[in-house]
Each structure stands twice: as C-alpha cells, then as structure tokens.
Amino acid sequence: MTSIVLGDDHAVFVESLVGVLVGQGFRVPAVARSLAGTIEAVRRHRPDICLLGRRFSDGDGISAIAHVIAVSPATRVLILAADGDNDAMRRAVRLGAAGYMHKTCGIRKLVHALERVIDGAVVLDAPRAATSVRSDVSEARRLAAHLTARERECLGLLVEGLDTPAMTVRLGVSTTTVRSHVQALLTKLGVHSRLEAATFAVRYDLVDHDQHGPEGRTKTG
C-alpha cells in the first residue's frame, strides 16, 4: 500500500483529501500544516510520496523539496499547488520534485498522477498562457530537432522512468553508451538532470508515443 505524507496549511482541504486518499487505497500515516512539520513527518515515516502544498506560514513548499529528499531520499515529492505559476513548476522540477499538480485537477487525475509518480514518471499539470505555450513549444521542438534517433529513444525511456541498467537492457547497449547518449541529450535540450529532461519531454510532447512495440521494446528502425 502506497504511503503518503500530506503537507498543506488548509485544514478543511487536508481533512477532505485524507479521506479521499484512504478511500482510494492509499495509506496516510501523517499530515502536517507547516513546512517544518512536514519535513519531520517525512523523516519519521519515510513515505513513498510527500504530497506537498506551496503556501505555508513558514515558507514556500518548493523551498522544502530538497529538505524532504534529504531526510528521506526514497520519497518522491509531488507539489500540489493552487496556482499555475510555470516558473515555480520549473523550479520545483529542478529541485527534485517528481511532479507539479494543480489543486483543481480533480481526484481522479490526482490519483492517476500519484500512481505514475510511484512508477517513476514525472507528472505535470499547470495552466499556462496560450501565447507562452506556443513560444515555448516552438523553442523546445527546435532543440529536440538536434537529437539523434538513439538520443530520442533514450529520452523516451527517461520519460518511462527507466534508470541506466534498465535502459542498457532495453536498448541492448553498454552502460557507457547509455550514459553518453543521455549526457548528449541533456546538453542539446539545455537541461541539467534526467528528471528535468523527462519533464521537458512530457511538457512539450517531444516523445513519439508510437515508438514502442506491442511487447514494450523500442523500435530502432
């Protein structure tokens, strides 16, 4: 049973969400209404996921991401925010968050996001201005156009949440080769981590969803 520590300063929202999550089969060992309390709860319970709000009396939830990960490295942090701040979403991912969801996303979408986070995926759901989207998508596709076919495959596997050993098996190449391809795609996309690369690909729909065969193997043809 997936365990979730919930940190949010809105009492009514927290109480309602806990009931819903438990009803959906999750375990919620602790809730906290401050950043300090959330970090302590994560340290004590070592949950699978920390579902973290943004606004607390003692600071911004995004600023606590690194602290949460530090006290429980295996815990995945999913920001649940009431705003559509794209810069905040990018900053959260750079700091190690596994996702950024809007509080209006709905319980079905949130549950799906939690399941994907557990599977190692990066999930994003934040409103964006249409003009900004068009501009950013154009730039993202320009950068992605410089990727080789193999680098695109590696990017797709990062989106799936695969680590280096799993990628070597899927692609049938050495660890050194996988790392070389990954480093090349990070450089070409202008990102600094595998998580950021996966987020970038999901956000701008850079991965060919038809590249995987019916048996889950990547087509190279």
C-alpha atoms as a PDB file:
ATOM      1  CA  MET A   1       0.000   0.000   0.000  1.00  0.00           C
ATOM      2  CA  THR A   2       1.474   3.333  -1.094  1.00  0.00           C
ATOM      3  CA  SER A   3       2.141   5.653   1.851  1.00  0.00           C
ATOM      4  CA  ILE A   4       1.684   9.415   1.576  1.00  0.00           C
ATOM      5  CA  VAL A   5       2.629  12.192   3.977  1.00  0.00           C
ATOM      6  CA  LEU A   6       0.454  15.196   3.244  1.00  0.00           C
ATOM      7  CA  GLY A   7       1.683  18.716   3.951  1.00  0.00           C
ATOM      8  CA  ASP A   8      -0.726  21.610   3.445  1.00  0.00           C
ATOM      9  CA  ASP A   9      -1.834  24.525   5.626  1.00  0.00           C
ATOM     10  CA  HIS A  10      -5.507  24.425   4.588  1.00  0.00           C
ATOM     11  CA  ALA A  11      -7.209  22.376   7.324  1.00  0.00           C
ATOM     12  CA  VAL A  12     -10.507  21.666   5.528  1.00  0.00           C
ATOM     13  CA  PHE A  13      -8.741  20.725   2.312  1.00  0.00           C
ATOM     14  CA  VAL A  14      -6.351  18.402   4.159  1.00  0.00           C
ATOM     15  CA  GLU A  15      -9.088  16.618   6.086  1.00  0.00           C
ATOM     16  CA  SER A  16     -11.135  16.098   2.934  1.00  0.00           C
ATOM     17  CA  LEU A  17      -8.163  14.904   0.897  1.00  0.00           C
ATOM     18  CA  VAL A  18      -7.024  12.420   3.529  1.00  0.00           C
ATOM     19  CA  GLY A  19     -10.438  10.766   3.472  1.00  0.00           C
ATOM     20  CA  VAL A  20     -10.425  10.559  -0.294  1.00  0.00           C
ATOM     21  CA  LEU A  21      -6.885   9.153  -0.473  1.00  0.00           C
ATOM     22  CA  VAL A  22      -7.615   6.490   2.140  1.00  0.00           C
ATOM     23  CA  GLY A  23     -10.768   5.615   0.244  1.00  0.00           C
ATOM     24  CA  GLN A  24      -8.670   5.164  -2.893  1.00  0.00           C
ATOM     25  CA  GLY A  25      -6.397   2.656  -1.159  1.00  0.00           C
ATOM     26  CA  PHE A  26      -3.520   4.881  -0.057  1.00  0.00           C
ATOM     27  CA  ARG A  27      -2.108   4.982   3.467  1.00  0.00           C
ATOM     28  CA  VAL A  28      -1.668   8.408   5.068  1.00  0.00           C
ATOM     29  CA  PRO A  29       0.490   7.985   8.197  1.00  0.00           C
ATOM     30  CA  ALA A  30       0.750  11.719   8.891  1.00  0.00           C
ATOM     31  CA  VAL A  31      -0.441  15.167   7.891  1.00  0.00           C
ATOM     32  CA  ALA A  32       1.264  18.465   8.662  1.00  0.00           C
ATOM     33  CA  ARG A  33       0.280  22.103   8.287  1.00  0.00           C
ATOM     34  CA  SER A  34       3.773  23.611   8.294  1.00  0.00           C
ATOM     35  CA  LEU A  35       6.959  23.013   6.333  1.00  0.00           C
ATOM     36  CA  ALA A  36       8.873  22.090   9.467  1.00  0.00           C
ATOM     37  CA  GLY A  37       6.145  19.663  10.479  1.00  0.00           C
ATOM     38  CA  THR A  38       6.047  18.122   7.013  1.00  0.00           C
ATOM     39  CA  ILE A  39       9.798  17.554   6.946  1.00  0.00           C
ATOM     40  CA  GLU A  40       9.683  15.962  10.396  1.00  0.00           C
ATOM     41  CA  ALA A  41       6.761  13.714   9.376  1.00  0.00           C
ATOM     42  CA  VAL A  42       8.656  12.579   6.283  1.00  0.00           C
ATOM     43  CA  ARG A  43      11.774  11.900   8.366  1.00  0.00           C
ATOM     44  CA  ARG A  44       9.747   9.836  10.830  1.00  0.00           C
ATOM     45  CA  HIS A  45       7.568   7.848   8.417  1.00  0.00           C
ATOM     46  CA  ARG A  46       9.726   7.640   5.241  1.00  0.00           C
ATOM     47  CA  PRO A  47       6.658   7.621   2.959  1.00  0.00           C
ATOM     48  CA  ASP A  48       6.616   6.672  -0.706  1.00  0.00           C
ATOM     49  CA  ILE A  49       5.277  10.135  -1.589  1.00  0.00           C
ATOM     50  CA  CYS A  50       5.191  13.533   0.056  1.00  0.00           C
ATOM     51  CA  LEU A  51       2.199  15.428  -1.318  1.00  0.00           C
ATOM     52  CA  LEU A  52       3.237  18.991  -0.607  1.00  0.00           C
ATOM     53  CA  GLY A  53       1.345  22.266  -0.836  1.00  0.00           C
ATOM     54  CA  ARG A  54       3.021  25.560  -1.670  1.00  0.00           C
ATOM     55  CA  ARG A  55       1.934  28.207   0.815  1.00  0.00           C
ATOM     56  CA  PHE A  56       2.798  27.782   4.492  1.00  0.00           C
ATOM     57  CA  SER A  57       3.231  30.243   7.321  1.00  0.00           C
ATOM     58  CA  ASP A  58       6.887  29.207   7.484  1.00  0.00           C
ATOM     59  CA  GLY A  59       7.648  29.407   3.766  1.00  0.00           C
ATOM     60  CA  ASP A  60       7.104  28.125   0.229  1.00  0.00           C
ATOM     61  CA  GLY A  61       6.724  24.381  -0.238  1.00  0.00           C
ATOM     62  CA  ILE A  62       9.074  24.453  -3.205  1.00  0.00           C
ATOM     63  CA  SER A  63      11.886  25.620  -0.948  1.00  0.00           C
ATOM     64  CA  ALA A  64      11.388  22.489   1.177  1.00  0.00           C
ATOM     65  CA  ILE A  65      11.773  19.957  -1.642  1.00  0.00           C
ATOM     66  CA  ALA A  66      15.498  19.450  -1.110  1.00  0.00           C
ATOM     67  CA  HIS A  67      14.989  19.120   2.655  1.00  0.00           C
ATOM     68  CA  VAL A  68      12.302  16.461   2.197  1.00  0.00           C
ATOM     69  CA  ILE A  69      14.542  14.478  -0.132  1.00  0.00           C
ATOM     70  CA  ALA A  70      17.479  14.883   2.241  1.00  0.00           C
ATOM     71  CA  VAL A  71      15.656  13.307   5.193  1.00  0.00           C
ATOM     72  CA  SER A  72      14.114  10.538   3.067  1.00  0.00           C
ATOM     73  CA  PRO A  73      15.898  10.027  -0.289  1.00  0.00           C
ATOM     74  CA  ALA A  74      13.448   7.374  -1.473  1.00  0.00           C
ATOM     75  CA  THR A  75      10.433   9.664  -1.002  1.00  0.00           C
ATOM     76  CA  ARG A  76       9.037  11.218  -4.182  1.00  0.00           C
ATOM     77  CA  VAL A  77       7.789  14.796  -3.821  1.00  0.00           C
ATOM     78  CA  LEU A  78       4.647  15.877  -5.652  1.00  0.00           C
ATOM     79  CA  ILE A  79       3.743  19.564  -5.363  1.00  0.00           C
ATOM     80  CA  LEU A  80       0.012  20.257  -5.144  1.00  0.00           C
ATOM     81  CA  ALA A  81      -0.422  23.973  -5.792  1.00  0.00           C
ATOM     82  CA  ALA A  82      -3.295  26.433  -6.057  1.00  0.00           C
ATOM     83  CA  ASP A  83      -1.555  28.466  -8.743  1.00  0.00           C
ATOM     84  CA  GLY A  84      -0.457  27.993 -12.344  1.00  0.00           C
ATOM     85  CA  ASP A  85       2.984  29.535 -11.898  1.00  0.00           C
ATOM     86  CA  ASN A  86       5.051  27.997 -14.692  1.00  0.00           C
ATOM     87  CA  ASP A  87       8.317  29.359 -13.291  1.00  0.00           C
ATOM     88  CA  ALA A  88       7.530  27.721  -9.952  1.00  0.00           C
ATOM     89  CA  MET A  89       6.797  24.439 -11.730  1.00  0.00           C
ATOM     90  CA  ARG A  90      10.159  24.540 -13.479  1.00  0.00           C
ATOM     91  CA  ARG A  91      11.945  25.422 -10.245  1.00  0.00           C
ATOM     92  CA  ALA A  92      10.235  22.565  -8.417  1.00  0.00           C
ATOM     93  CA  VAL A  93      11.405  20.065 -11.010  1.00  0.00           C
ATOM     94  CA  ARG A  94      14.947  21.416 -10.947  1.00  0.00           C
ATOM     95  CA  LEU A  95      14.972  20.988  -7.167  1.00  0.00           C
ATOM     96  CA  GLY A  96      13.982  17.345  -7.478  1.00  0.00           C
ATOM     97  CA  ALA A  97      10.168  17.235  -7.443  1.00  0.00           C
ATOM     98  CA  ALA A  98       8.593  14.302  -9.253  1.00  0.00           C
ATOM     99  CA  GLY A  99       5.659  16.407 -10.331  1.00  0.00           C
ATOM    100  CA  TYR A 100       3.555  19.542 -10.020  1.00  0.00           C
ATOM    101  CA  MET A 101      -0.238  19.327  -9.974  1.00  0.00           C
ATOM    102  CA  HIS A 102      -2.909  21.995  -9.688  1.00  0.00           C
ATOM    103  CA  LYS A 103      -5.408  21.671  -6.836  1.00  0.00           C
ATOM    104  CA  THR A 104      -8.277  21.910  -9.311  1.00  0.00           C
ATOM    105  CA  CYS A 105      -7.100  18.817 -11.220  1.00  0.00           C
ATOM    106  CA  GLY A 106      -9.739  16.561  -9.632  1.00  0.00           C
ATOM    107  CA  ILE A 107      -9.310  13.438  -7.544  1.00  0.00           C
ATOM    108  CA  ARG A 108      -9.261  11.012 -10.469  1.00  0.00           C
ATOM    109  CA  LYS A 109      -6.426  12.885 -12.124  1.00  0.00           C
ATOM    110  CA  LEU A 110      -4.573  13.239  -8.828  1.00  0.00           C
ATOM    111  CA  VAL A 111      -4.811   9.512  -8.087  1.00  0.00           C
ATOM    112  CA  HIS A 112      -3.516   8.739 -11.576  1.00  0.00           C
ATOM    113  CA  ALA A 113      -0.660  11.188 -11.001  1.00  0.00           C
ATOM    114  CA  LEU A 114       0.241   9.518  -7.703  1.00  0.00           C
ATOM    115  CA  GLU A 115       0.283   6.106  -9.386  1.00  0.00           C
ATOM    116  CA  ARG A 116       2.529   7.407 -12.164  1.00  0.00           C
ATOM    117  CA  VAL A 117       4.905   9.005  -9.665  1.00  0.00           C
ATOM    118  CA  ILE A 118       5.246   5.665  -7.876  1.00  0.00           C
ATOM    119  CA  ASP A 119       6.084   4.100 -11.241  1.00  0.00           C
ATOM    120  CA  GLY A 120       8.904   6.610 -11.657  1.00  0.00           C
ATOM    121  CA  ALA A 121       7.243   9.010 -14.086  1.00  0.00           C
ATOM    122  CA  VAL A 122       7.239  12.804 -13.956  1.00  0.00           C
ATOM    123  CA  VAL A 123       3.777  14.387 -13.882  1.00  0.00           C
ATOM    124  CA  LEU A 124       2.852  17.975 -14.654  1.00  0.00           C
ATOM    125  CA  ASP A 125      -0.478  19.735 -14.657  1.00  0.00           C
ATOM    126  CA  ALA A 126      -0.396  23.516 -14.520  1.00  0.00           C
ATOM    127  CA  PRO A 127      -2.368  26.058 -16.567  1.00  0.00           C
ATOM    128  CA  ARG A 128      -0.280  28.080 -18.998  1.00  0.00           C
ATOM    129  CA  ALA A 129      -0.911  31.120 -21.175  1.00  0.00           C
ATOM    130  CA  ALA A 130      -1.559  30.134 -24.790  1.00  0.00           C
ATOM    131  CA  THR A 131       0.969  32.566 -26.265  1.00  0.00           C
ATOM    132  CA  SER A 132       3.633  31.348 -23.857  1.00  0.00           C
ATOM    133  CA  VAL A 133       2.836  27.753 -24.754  1.00  0.00           C
ATOM    134  CA  ARG A 134       3.214  28.388 -28.479  1.00  0.00           C
ATOM    135  CA  SER A 135       6.521  30.168 -27.998  1.00  0.00           C
ATOM    136  CA  ASP A 136       7.931  27.568 -25.637  1.00  0.00           C
ATOM    137  CA  VAL A 137       6.797  24.623 -27.769  1.00  0.00           C
ATOM    138  CA  SER A 138       8.465  26.124 -30.816  1.00  0.00           C
ATOM    139  CA  GLU A 139      11.742  26.520 -28.950  1.00  0.00           C
ATOM    140  CA  ALA A 140      11.510  23.035 -27.411  1.00  0.00           C
ATOM    141  CA  ARG A 141      10.966  21.421 -30.801  1.00  0.00           C
ATOM    142  CA  ARG A 142      13.848  23.402 -32.259  1.00  0.00           C
ATOM    143  CA  LEU A 143      16.144  21.990 -29.581  1.00  0.00           C
ATOM    144  CA  ALA A 144      14.752  18.479 -29.934  1.00  0.00           C
ATOM    145  CA  ALA A 145      15.369  18.538 -33.687  1.00  0.00           C
ATOM    146  CA  HIS A 146      19.101  18.236 -32.926  1.00  0.00           C
ATOM    147  CA  LEU A 147      18.664  14.890 -31.147  1.00  0.00           C
ATOM    148  CA  THR A 148      19.778  11.742 -32.938  1.00  0.00           C
ATOM    149  CA  ALA A 149      17.348   8.822 -33.280  1.00  0.00           C
ATOM    150  CA  ARG A 150      19.089   6.986 -30.441  1.00  0.00           C
ATOM    151  CA  GLU A 151      19.040  10.058 -28.199  1.00  0.00           C
ATOM    152  CA  ARG A 152      15.296  10.346 -28.821  1.00  0.00           C
ATOM    153  CA  GLU A 153      14.901   6.721 -27.774  1.00  0.00           C
ATOM    154  CA  CYS A 154      16.818   7.416 -24.579  1.00  0.00           C
ATOM    155  CA  LEU A 155      14.627  10.450 -23.913  1.00  0.00           C
ATOM    156  CA  GLY A 156      11.543   8.267 -24.265  1.00  0.00           C
ATOM    157  CA  LEU A 157      12.958   5.778 -21.788  1.00  0.00           C
ATOM    158  CA  LEU A 158      13.674   8.587 -19.314  1.00  0.00           C
ATOM    159  CA  VAL A 159      10.026   9.588 -19.583  1.00  0.00           C
ATOM    160  CA  GLU A 160       9.097   5.974 -18.761  1.00  0.00           C
ATOM    161  CA  GLY A 161      11.196   6.299 -15.617  1.00  0.00           C
ATOM    162  CA  LEU A 162      13.913   3.806 -16.572  1.00  0.00           C
ATOM    163  CA  ASP A 163      17.325   4.019 -14.938  1.00  0.00           C
ATOM    164  CA  THR A 164      20.653   3.299 -16.654  1.00  0.00           C
ATOM    165  CA  PRO A 165      20.678  -0.506 -16.089  1.00  0.00           C
ATOM    166  CA  ALA A 166      17.130  -0.838 -17.417  1.00  0.00           C
ATOM    167  CA  MET A 167      17.985   1.323 -20.418  1.00  0.00           C
ATOM    168  CA  THR A 168      21.000  -0.847 -21.278  1.00  0.00           C
ATOM    169  CA  VAL A 169      18.755  -3.916 -21.300  1.00  0.00           C
ATOM    170  CA  ARG A 170      16.043  -2.245 -23.364  1.00  0.00           C
ATOM    171  CA  LEU A 171      18.479  -0.856 -25.931  1.00  0.00           C
ATOM    172  CA  GLY A 172      20.974  -3.714 -25.900  1.00  0.00           C
ATOM    173  CA  VAL A 173      23.978  -1.427 -25.451  1.00  0.00           C
ATOM    174  CA  SER A 174      26.606  -0.810 -22.778  1.00  0.00           C
ATOM    175  CA  THR A 175      26.237   1.369 -19.700  1.00  0.00           C
ATOM    176  CA  THR A 176      28.860   3.724 -21.098  1.00  0.00           C
ATOM    177  CA  THR A 177      26.904   4.120 -24.327  1.00  0.00           C
ATOM    178  CA  VAL A 178      23.673   4.874 -22.486  1.00  0.00           C
ATOM    179  CA  ARG A 179      25.367   7.478 -20.314  1.00  0.00           C
ATOM    180  CA  SER A 180      26.939   9.053 -23.393  1.00  0.00           C
ATOM    181  CA  HIS A 181      23.572   9.322 -25.149  1.00  0.00           C
ATOM    182  CA  VAL A 182      21.884  10.711 -22.048  1.00  0.00           C
ATOM    183  CA  GLN A 183      24.581  13.322 -21.491  1.00  0.00           C
ATOM    184  CA  ALA A 184      24.331  14.364 -25.139  1.00  0.00           C
ATOM    185  CA  LEU A 185      20.559  14.825 -24.973  1.00  0.00           C
ATOM    186  CA  LEU A 186      20.814  16.789 -21.724  1.00  0.00           C
ATOM    187  CA  THR A 187      23.284  19.138 -23.381  1.00  0.00           C
ATOM    188  CA  LYS A 188      21.211  19.555 -26.539  1.00  0.00           C
ATOM    189  CA  LEU A 189      17.994  20.245 -24.611  1.00  0.00           C
ATOM    190  CA  GLY A 190      19.731  22.657 -22.244  1.00  0.00           C
ATOM    191  CA  VAL A 191      18.683  20.804 -19.095  1.00  0.00           C
ATOM    192  CA  HIS A 192      20.746  19.624 -16.142  1.00  0.00           C
ATOM    193  CA  SER A 193      19.263  16.324 -14.985  1.00  0.00           C
ATOM    194  CA  ARG A 194      17.417  13.257 -16.205  1.00  0.00           C
ATOM    195  CA  LEU A 195      14.316  14.319 -14.299  1.00  0.00           C
ATOM    196  CA  GLU A 196      14.395  17.743 -15.935  1.00  0.00           C
ATOM    197  CA  ALA A 197      14.844  16.143 -19.366  1.00  0.00           C
ATOM    198  CA  ALA A 198      11.871  13.847 -18.800  1.00  0.00           C
ATOM    199  CA  THR A 199       9.769  16.766 -17.591  1.00  0.00           C
ATOM    200  CA  PHE A 200      10.796  18.843 -20.601  1.00  0.00           C
ATOM    201  CA  ALA A 201       9.808  15.998 -22.964  1.00  0.00           C
ATOM    202  CA  VAL A 202       6.422  15.474 -21.293  1.00  0.00           C
ATOM    203  CA  ARG A 203       5.636  19.184 -21.141  1.00  0.00           C
ATOM    204  CA  TYR A 204       6.294  19.760 -24.846  1.00  0.00           C
ATOM    205  CA  ASP A 205       5.211  16.344 -26.132  1.00  0.00           C
ATOM    206  CA  LEU A 206       8.617  15.538 -27.600  1.00  0.00           C
ATOM    207  CA  VAL A 207       8.362  11.765 -27.271  1.00  0.00           C
ATOM    208  CA  ASP A 208       6.912   9.654 -30.071  1.00  0.00           C
ATOM    209  CA  HIS A 209       4.264   7.606 -28.305  1.00  0.00           C
ATOM    210  CA  ASP A 210       4.301   5.050 -31.143  1.00  0.00           C
ATOM    211  CA  GLN A 211       7.989   4.247 -30.839  1.00  0.00           C
ATOM    212  CA  HIS A 212       7.357   1.296 -28.510  1.00  0.00           C
ATOM    213  CA  GLY A 213       6.294  -2.008 -29.943  1.00  0.00           C
ATOM    214  CA  PRO A 214       3.476  -4.179 -28.555  1.00  0.00           C
ATOM    215  CA  GLU A 215       5.952  -6.070 -26.383  1.00  0.00           C
ATOM    216  CA  GLY A 216       7.386  -2.890 -24.867  1.00  0.00           C
ATOM    217  CA  ARG A 217      10.596  -2.891 -26.921  1.00  0.00           C
ATOM    218  CA  THR A 218      11.741   0.307 -28.549  1.00  0.00           C
ATOM    219  CA  LYS A 219      11.761   0.279 -32.331  1.00  0.00           C
ATOM    220  CA  THR A 220      15.013   1.462 -33.818  1.00  0.00           C
ATOM    221  CA  GLY A 221      14.041   1.240 -37.441  1.00  0.00           C
END
